Amino acid sequence: MASVLECSYEFERRGGSISLCSITVITKPTPS
């Protein structure tokens, strides 16, 4: 995506199973 400067993710595991994925997206400054 043109507005995305960087994206990353990390997994949270419980008992070896992935329970959650946190996605971080750094974007060009966008009026909000």
PDB file of all heavy atoms in Angstrom:
ATOM      1  N   MET A   1       0.842  -1.198   0.000  1.00  0.00           N
ATOM      2  CA  MET A   1       0.000   0.000   0.000  1.00  0.00           C
ATOM      3  C   MET A   1       0.881   1.253   0.000  1.00  0.00           C
ATOM      4  O   MET A   1       1.860   1.332   0.748  1.00  0.00           O
ATOM      5  CB  MET A   1      -0.926   0.003   1.216  1.00  0.00           C
ATOM      6  CG  MET A   1      -1.939  -1.121   1.199  1.00  0.00           C
ATOM      7  SD  MET A   1      -2.945  -1.211   2.688  1.00  0.00           S
ATOM      8  CE  MET A   1      -3.890   0.285   2.510  1.00  0.00           C
ATOM      9  N   ALA A   2       0.525   2.219  -0.820  1.00  0.00           N
ATOM     10  CA  ALA A   2       1.334   3.428  -0.981  1.00  0.00           C
ATOM     11  C   ALA A   2       1.473   4.216   0.321  1.00  0.00           C
ATOM     12  O   ALA A   2       2.515   4.826   0.571  1.00  0.00           O
ATOM     13  CB  ALA A   2       0.734   4.311  -2.072  1.00  0.00           C
ATOM     14  N   SER A   3       0.463   4.203   1.165  1.00  0.00           N
ATOM     15  CA  SER A   3       0.504   4.999   2.396  1.00  0.00           C
ATOM     16  C   SER A   3       1.265   4.321   3.532  1.00  0.00           C
ATOM     17  O   SER A   3       1.556   4.946   4.549  1.00  0.00           O
ATOM     18  CB  SER A   3      -0.918   5.304   2.865  1.00  0.00           C
ATOM     19  OG  SER A   3      -1.597   4.097   3.169  1.00  0.00           O
ATOM     20  N   VAL A   4       1.612   3.051   3.366  1.00  0.00           N
ATOM     21  CA  VAL A   4       2.287   2.306   4.429  1.00  0.00           C
ATOM     22  C   VAL A   4       3.795   2.449   4.298  1.00  0.00           C
ATOM     23  O   VAL A   4       4.383   2.130   3.265  1.00  0.00           O
ATOM     24  CB  VAL A   4       1.874   0.812   4.403  1.00  0.00           C
ATOM     25  CG1 VAL A   4       2.698  -0.005   5.380  1.00  0.00           C
ATOM     26  CG2 VAL A   4       0.390   0.678   4.697  1.00  0.00           C
ATOM     27  N   LEU A   5       4.415   2.940   5.383  1.00  0.00           N
ATOM     28  CA  LEU A   5       5.870   3.076   5.412  1.00  0.00           C
ATOM     29  C   LEU A   5       6.532   1.815   5.950  1.00  0.00           C
ATOM     30  O   LEU A   5       7.626   1.451   5.533  1.00  0.00           O
ATOM     31  CB  LEU A   5       6.269   4.272   6.276  1.00  0.00           C
ATOM     32  CG  LEU A   5       5.721   5.633   5.836  1.00  0.00           C
ATOM     33  CD1 LEU A   5       6.087   6.698   6.866  1.00  0.00           C
ATOM     34  CD2 LEU A   5       6.246   5.993   4.456  1.00  0.00           C
ATOM     35  N   GLU A   6       5.870   1.166   6.893  1.00  0.00           N
ATOM     36  CA  GLU A   6       6.445  -0.012   7.538  1.00  0.00           C
ATOM     37  C   GLU A   6       5.331  -0.808   8.199  1.00  0.00           C
ATOM     38  O   GLU A   6       4.370  -0.233   8.712  1.00  0.00           O
ATOM     39  CB  GLU A   6       7.438   0.454   8.605  1.00  0.00           C
ATOM     40  CG  GLU A   6       8.077  -0.613   9.433  1.00  0.00           C
ATOM     41  CD  GLU A   6       8.989  -0.007  10.493  1.00  0.00           C
ATOM     42  OE1 GLU A   6       9.869   0.796  10.150  1.00  0.00           O
ATOM     43  OE2 GLU A   6       8.799  -0.345  11.671  1.00  0.00           O
ATOM     44  N   CYS A   7       5.448  -2.125   8.177  1.00  0.00           N
ATOM     45  CA  CYS A   7       4.492  -2.949   8.914  1.00  0.00           C
ATOM     46  C   CYS A   7       5.244  -4.118   9.543  1.00  0.00           C
ATOM     47  O   CYS A   7       6.257  -4.572   9.022  1.00  0.00           O
ATOM     48  CB  CYS A   7       3.345  -3.427   8.031  1.00  0.00           C
ATOM     49  SG  CYS A   7       3.819  -4.311   6.551  1.00  0.00           S
ATOM     50  N   SER A   8       4.741  -4.542  10.679  1.00  0.00           N
ATOM     51  CA  SER A   8       5.361  -5.660  11.388  1.00  0.00           C
ATOM     52  C   SER A   8       4.273  -6.400  12.152  1.00  0.00           C
ATOM     53  O   SER A   8       3.147  -5.924  12.285  1.00  0.00           O
ATOM     54  CB  SER A   8       6.430  -5.157  12.363  1.00  0.00           C
ATOM     55  OG  SER A   8       5.842  -4.352  13.370  1.00  0.00           O
ATOM     56  N   TYR A   9       4.606  -7.579  12.624  1.00  0.00           N
ATOM     57  CA  TYR A   9       3.659  -8.327  13.438  1.00  0.00           C
ATOM     58  C   TYR A   9       4.398  -9.196  14.422  1.00  0.00           C
ATOM     59  O   TYR A   9       5.587  -9.491  14.252  1.00  0.00           O
ATOM     60  CB  TYR A   9       2.699  -9.149  12.579  1.00  0.00           C
ATOM     61  CG  TYR A   9       3.316 -10.218  11.710  1.00  0.00           C
ATOM     62  CD1 TYR A   9       3.368 -11.531  12.155  1.00  0.00           C
ATOM     63  CD2 TYR A   9       3.811  -9.932  10.453  1.00  0.00           C
ATOM     64  CE1 TYR A   9       3.909 -12.533  11.356  1.00  0.00           C
ATOM     65  CE2 TYR A   9       4.357 -10.917   9.646  1.00  0.00           C
ATOM     66  CZ  TYR A   9       4.403 -12.211  10.104  1.00  0.00           C
ATOM     67  OH  TYR A   9       4.940 -13.191   9.316  1.00  0.00           O
ATOM     68  N   GLU A  10       3.689  -9.558  15.477  1.00  0.00           N
ATOM     69  CA  GLU A  10       4.247 -10.471  16.470  1.00  0.00           C
ATOM     70  C   GLU A  10       3.148 -11.400  16.941  1.00  0.00           C
ATOM     71  O   GLU A  10       1.970 -11.036  16.937  1.00  0.00           O
ATOM     72  CB  GLU A  10       4.867  -9.712  17.636  1.00  0.00           C
ATOM     73  CG  GLU A  10       3.956  -8.767  18.339  1.00  0.00           C
ATOM     74  CD  GLU A  10       4.679  -7.910  19.359  1.00  0.00           C
ATOM     75  OE1 GLU A  10       5.496  -7.074  18.964  1.00  0.00           O
ATOM     76  OE2 GLU A  10       4.412  -8.101  20.561  1.00  0.00           O
ATOM     77  N   PHE A  11       3.555 -12.603  17.314  1.00  0.00           N
ATOM     78  CA  PHE A  11       2.600 -13.613  17.749  1.00  0.00           C
ATOM     79  C   PHE A  11       2.699 -13.800  19.253  1.00  0.00           C
ATOM     80  O   PHE A  11       3.787 -13.847  19.807  1.00  0.00           O
ATOM     81  CB  PHE A  11       2.893 -14.964  17.073  1.00  0.00           C
ATOM     82  CG  PHE A  11       2.679 -14.948  15.588  1.00  0.00           C
ATOM     83  CD1 PHE A  11       3.748 -15.075  14.720  1.00  0.00           C
ATOM     84  CD2 PHE A  11       1.406 -14.799  15.062  1.00  0.00           C
ATOM     85  CE1 PHE A  11       3.549 -15.062  13.351  1.00  0.00           C
ATOM     86  CE2 PHE A  11       1.204 -14.785  13.690  1.00  0.00           C
ATOM     87  CZ  PHE A  11       2.282 -14.921  12.831  1.00  0.00           C
ATOM     88  N   GLU A  12       1.536 -13.937  19.879  1.00  0.00           N
ATOM     89  CA  GLU A  12       1.472 -14.300  21.286  1.00  0.00           C
ATOM     90  C   GLU A  12       1.125 -15.771  21.336  1.00  0.00           C
ATOM     91  O   GLU A  12       0.204 -16.221  20.646  1.00  0.00           O
ATOM     92  CB  GLU A  12       0.389 -13.476  21.978  1.00  0.00           C
ATOM     93  CG  GLU A  12       0.249 -13.768  23.448  1.00  0.00           C
ATOM     94  CD  GLU A  12      -0.828 -12.910  24.092  1.00  0.00           C
ATOM     95  OE1 GLU A  12      -0.910 -11.710  23.768  1.00  0.00           O
ATOM     96  OE2 GLU A  12      -1.602 -13.463  24.903  1.00  0.00           O
ATOM     97  N   ARG A  13       1.874 -16.520  22.106  1.00  0.00           N
ATOM     98  CA  ARG A  13       1.653 -17.965  22.205  1.00  0.00           C
ATOM     99  C   ARG A  13       1.270 -18.347  23.621  1.00  0.00           C
ATOM    100  O   ARG A  13       1.765 -17.773  24.577  1.00  0.00           O
ATOM    101  CB  ARG A  13       2.906 -18.741  21.797  1.00  0.00           C
ATOM    102  CG  ARG A  13       3.263 -18.557  20.334  1.00  0.00           C
ATOM    103  CD  ARG A  13       4.559 -19.311  19.986  1.00  0.00           C
ATOM    104  NE  ARG A  13       4.996 -18.983  18.653  1.00  0.00           N
ATOM    105  CZ  ARG A  13       4.661 -19.655  17.561  1.00  0.00           C
ATOM    106  NH1 ARG A  13       3.883 -20.710  17.664  1.00  0.00           N
ATOM    107  NH2 ARG A  13       5.097 -19.281  16.374  1.00  0.00           N
ATOM    108  N   ARG A  14       0.402 -19.335  23.699  1.00  0.00           N
ATOM    109  CA  ARG A  14       0.003 -19.907  24.988  1.00  0.00           C
ATOM    110  C   ARG A  14       0.059 -21.414  24.846  1.00  0.00           C
ATOM    111  O   ARG A  14      -0.641 -21.967  24.006  1.00  0.00           O
ATOM    112  CB  ARG A  14      -1.400 -19.457  25.364  1.00  0.00           C
ATOM    113  CG  ARG A  14      -1.465 -17.971  25.620  1.00  0.00           C
ATOM    114  CD  ARG A  14      -2.807 -17.552  26.122  1.00  0.00           C
ATOM    115  NE  ARG A  14      -2.798 -16.102  26.247  1.00  0.00           N
ATOM    116  CZ  ARG A  14      -3.864 -15.363  26.269  1.00  0.00           C
ATOM    117  NH1 ARG A  14      -5.048 -15.917  26.178  1.00  0.00           N
ATOM    118  NH2 ARG A  14      -3.781 -14.057  26.392  1.00  0.00           N
ATOM    119  N   GLY A  15       0.889 -22.033  25.634  1.00  0.00           N
ATOM    120  CA  GLY A  15       1.024 -23.481  25.556  1.00  0.00           C
ATOM    121  C   GLY A  15       1.480 -23.958  24.188  1.00  0.00           C
ATOM    122  O   GLY A  15       1.106 -25.030  23.754  1.00  0.00           O
ATOM    123  N   GLY A  16       2.266 -23.127  23.486  1.00  0.00           N
ATOM    124  CA  GLY A  16       2.772 -23.482  22.165  1.00  0.00           C
ATOM    125  C   GLY A  16       1.850 -23.100  21.019  1.00  0.00           C
ATOM    126  O   GLY A  16       2.248 -23.101  19.863  1.00  0.00           O
ATOM    127  N   SER A  17       0.610 -22.768  21.315  1.00  0.00           N
ATOM    128  CA  SER A  17      -0.344 -22.387  20.276  1.00  0.00           C
ATOM    129  C   SER A  17      -0.388 -20.869  20.133  1.00  0.00           C
ATOM    130  O   SER A  17      -0.371 -20.149  21.132  1.00  0.00           O
ATOM    131  CB  SER A  17      -1.744 -22.878  20.628  1.00  0.00           C
ATOM    132  OG  SER A  17      -1.785 -24.283  20.641  1.00  0.00           O
ATOM    133  N   ILE A  18      -0.460 -20.403  18.906  1.00  0.00           N
ATOM    134  CA  ILE A  18      -0.603 -18.967  18.678  1.00  0.00           C
ATOM    135  C   ILE A  18      -2.012 -18.576  19.099  1.00  0.00           C
ATOM    136  O   ILE A  18      -2.996 -19.161  18.643  1.00  0.00           O
ATOM    137  CB  ILE A  18      -0.368 -18.602  17.197  1.00  0.00           C
ATOM    138  CG1 ILE A  18       1.062 -18.954  16.784  1.00  0.00           C
ATOM    139  CG2 ILE A  18      -0.655 -17.120  16.965  1.00  0.00           C
ATOM    140  CD1 ILE A  18       1.327 -18.809  15.299  1.00  0.00           C
ATOM    141  N   SER A  19      -2.102 -17.581  19.976  1.00  0.00           N
ATOM    142  CA  SER A  19      -3.411 -17.148  20.454  1.00  0.00           C
ATOM    143  C   SER A  19      -3.797 -15.775  19.920  1.00  0.00           C
ATOM    144  O   SER A  19      -4.977 -15.426  19.918  1.00  0.00           O
ATOM    145  CB  SER A  19      -3.441 -17.126  21.989  1.00  0.00           C
ATOM    146  OG  SER A  19      -2.438 -16.270  22.488  1.00  0.00           O
ATOM    147  N   LEU A  20      -2.802 -15.013  19.443  1.00  0.00           N
ATOM    148  CA  LEU A  20      -3.077 -13.650  19.011  1.00  0.00           C
ATOM    149  C   LEU A  20      -1.930 -13.151  18.140  1.00  0.00           C
ATOM    150  O   LEU A  20      -0.771 -13.483  18.381  1.00  0.00           O
ATOM    151  CB  LEU A  20      -3.195 -12.747  20.244  1.00  0.00           C
ATOM    152  CG  LEU A  20      -3.719 -11.348  20.069  1.00  0.00           C
ATOM    153  CD1 LEU A  20      -5.216 -11.380  19.759  1.00  0.00           C
ATOM    154  CD2 LEU A  20      -3.475 -10.542  21.339  1.00  0.00           C
ATOM    155  N   CYS A  21      -2.264 -12.348  17.143  1.00  0.00           N
ATOM    156  CA  CYS A  21      -1.258 -11.682  16.321  1.00  0.00           C
ATOM    157  C   CYS A  21      -1.502 -10.177  16.439  1.00  0.00           C
ATOM    158  O   CYS A  21      -2.617  -9.709  16.224  1.00  0.00           O
ATOM    159  CB  CYS A  21      -1.384 -12.101  14.857  1.00  0.00           C
ATOM    160  SG  CYS A  21      -0.184 -11.278  13.777  1.00  0.00           S
ATOM    161  N   SER A  22      -0.461  -9.441  16.824  1.00  0.00           N
ATOM    162  CA  SER A  22      -0.535  -7.980  16.878  1.00  0.00           C
ATOM    163  C   SER A  22       0.162  -7.429  15.645  1.00  0.00           C
ATOM    164  O   SER A  22       1.329  -7.738  15.401  1.00  0.00           O
ATOM    165  CB  SER A  22       0.140  -7.440  18.133  1.00  0.00           C
ATOM    166  OG  SER A  22      -0.564  -7.847  19.274  1.00  0.00           O
ATOM    167  N   ILE A  23      -0.571  -6.628  14.881  1.00  0.00           N
ATOM    168  CA  ILE A  23      -0.065  -6.054  13.637  1.00  0.00           C
ATOM    169  C   ILE A  23       0.166  -4.567  13.863  1.00  0.00           C
ATOM    170  O   ILE A  23      -0.742  -3.864  14.307  1.00  0.00           O
ATOM    171  CB  ILE A  23      -1.092  -6.247  12.503  1.00  0.00           C
ATOM    172  CG1 ILE A  23      -1.352  -7.732  12.277  1.00  0.00           C
ATOM    173  CG2 ILE A  23      -0.637  -5.547  11.227  1.00  0.00           C
ATOM    174  CD1 ILE A  23      -2.572  -7.998  11.422  1.00  0.00           C
ATOM    175  N   THR A  24       1.375  -4.096  13.564  1.00  0.00           N
ATOM    176  CA  THR A  24       1.697  -2.681  13.684  1.00  0.00           C
ATOM    177  C   THR A  24       1.946  -2.123  12.295  1.00  0.00           C
ATOM    178  O   THR A  24       2.737  -2.675  11.538  1.00  0.00           O
ATOM    179  CB  THR A  24       2.940  -2.459  14.563  1.00  0.00           C
ATOM    180  OG1 THR A  24       2.696  -3.024  15.855  1.00  0.00           O
ATOM    181  CG2 THR A  24       3.272  -0.987  14.707  1.00  0.00           C
ATOM    182  N   VAL A  25       1.253  -1.031  11.972  1.00  0.00           N
ATOM    183  CA  VAL A  25       1.382  -0.390  10.661  1.00  0.00           C
ATOM    184  C   VAL A  25       1.761   1.069  10.875  1.00  0.00           C
ATOM    185  O   VAL A  25       1.035   1.811  11.539  1.00  0.00           O
ATOM    186  CB  VAL A  25       0.062  -0.476   9.864  1.00  0.00           C
ATOM    187  CG1 VAL A  25       0.219   0.166   8.494  1.00  0.00           C
ATOM    188  CG2 VAL A  25      -0.398  -1.924   9.729  1.00  0.00           C
ATOM    189  N   ILE A  26       2.912   1.460  10.333  1.00  0.00           N
ATOM    190  CA  ILE A  26       3.366   2.850  10.360  1.00  0.00           C
ATOM    191  C   ILE A  26       3.025   3.438   8.996  1.00  0.00           C
ATOM    192  O   ILE A  26       3.415   2.883   7.970  1.00  0.00           O
ATOM    193  CB  ILE A  26       4.883   2.956  10.637  1.00  0.00           C
ATOM    194  CG1 ILE A  26       5.263   2.196  11.916  1.00  0.00           C
ATOM    195  CG2 ILE A  26       5.315   4.414  10.692  1.00  0.00           C
ATOM    196  CD1 ILE A  26       4.598   2.683  13.180  1.00  0.00           C
ATOM    197  N   THR A  27       2.285   4.545   9.008  1.00  0.00           N
ATOM    198  CA  THR A  27       1.817   5.137   7.758  1.00  0.00           C
ATOM    199  C   THR A  27       2.352   6.555   7.581  1.00  0.00           C
ATOM    200  O   THR A  27       2.818   7.177   8.534  1.00  0.00           O
ATOM    201  CB  THR A  27       0.275   5.208   7.719  1.00  0.00           C
ATOM    202  OG1 THR A  27      -0.175   6.055   8.772  1.00  0.00           O
ATOM    203  CG2 THR A  27      -0.347   3.836   7.856  1.00  0.00           C
ATOM    204  N   LYS A  28       2.253   7.021   6.361  1.00  0.00           N
ATOM    205  CA  LYS A  28       2.505   8.434   6.118  1.00  0.00           C
ATOM    206  C   LYS A  28       1.476   9.209   6.933  1.00  0.00           C
ATOM    207  O   LYS A  28       0.339   8.752   7.076  1.00  0.00           O
ATOM    208  CB  LYS A  28       2.345   8.757   4.631  1.00  0.00           C
ATOM    209  CG  LYS A  28       3.379   8.088   3.754  1.00  0.00           C
ATOM    210  CD  LYS A  28       3.113   8.399   2.287  1.00  0.00           C
ATOM    211  CE  LYS A  28       4.124   7.672   1.414  1.00  0.00           C
ATOM    212  NZ  LYS A  28       3.827   7.845  -0.019  1.00  0.00           N
ATOM    213  N   PRO A  29       1.857  10.365   7.495  1.00  0.00           N
ATOM    214  CA  PRO A  29       0.884  11.144   8.267  1.00  0.00           C
ATOM    215  C   PRO A  29      -0.366  11.445   7.440  1.00  0.00           C
ATOM    216  O   PRO A  29      -0.287  11.955   6.331  1.00  0.00           O
ATOM    217  CB  PRO A  29       1.650  12.424   8.607  1.00  0.00           C
ATOM    218  CG  PRO A  29       3.097  12.009   8.584  1.00  0.00           C
ATOM    219  CD  PRO A  29       3.184  10.982   7.478  1.00  0.00           C
ATOM    220  N   THR A  30      -1.516  11.057   7.997  1.00  0.00           N
ATOM    221  CA  THR A  30      -2.792  11.204   7.307  1.00  0.00           C
ATOM    222  C   THR A  30      -3.750  11.996   8.194  1.00  0.00           C
ATOM    223  O   THR A  30      -3.948  11.628   9.362  1.00  0.00           O
ATOM    224  CB  THR A  30      -3.402   9.806   7.038  1.00  0.00           C
ATOM    225  OG1 THR A  30      -2.453   9.016   6.334  1.00  0.00           O
ATOM    226  CG2 THR A  30      -4.688   9.905   6.254  1.00  0.00           C
ATOM    227  N   PRO A  31      -4.362  13.077   7.676  1.00  0.00           N
ATOM    228  CA  PRO A  31      -5.324  13.827   8.483  1.00  0.00           C
ATOM    229  C   PRO A  31      -6.391  12.893   9.050  1.00  0.00           C
ATOM    230  O   PRO A  31      -6.914  12.029   8.346  1.00  0.00           O
ATOM    231  CB  PRO A  31      -5.935  14.818   7.498  1.00  0.00           C
ATOM    232  CG  PRO A  31      -4.884  14.987   6.449  1.00  0.00           C
ATOM    233  CD  PRO A  31      -4.218  13.638   6.326  1.00  0.00           C
ATOM    234  N   SER A  32      -6.673  13.060  10.337  1.00  0.00           N
ATOM    235  CA  SER A  32      -7.616  12.169  11.004  1.00  0.00           C
ATOM    236  C   SER A  32      -8.436  12.945  12.028  1.00  0.00           C
ATOM    237  O   SER A  32      -8.160  12.892  13.224  1.00  0.00           O
ATOM    238  CB  SER A  32      -6.840  11.031  11.672  1.00  0.00           C
ATOM    239  OG  SER A  32      -7.710  10.109  12.250  1.00  0.00           O
TER     240      SER A  32
END
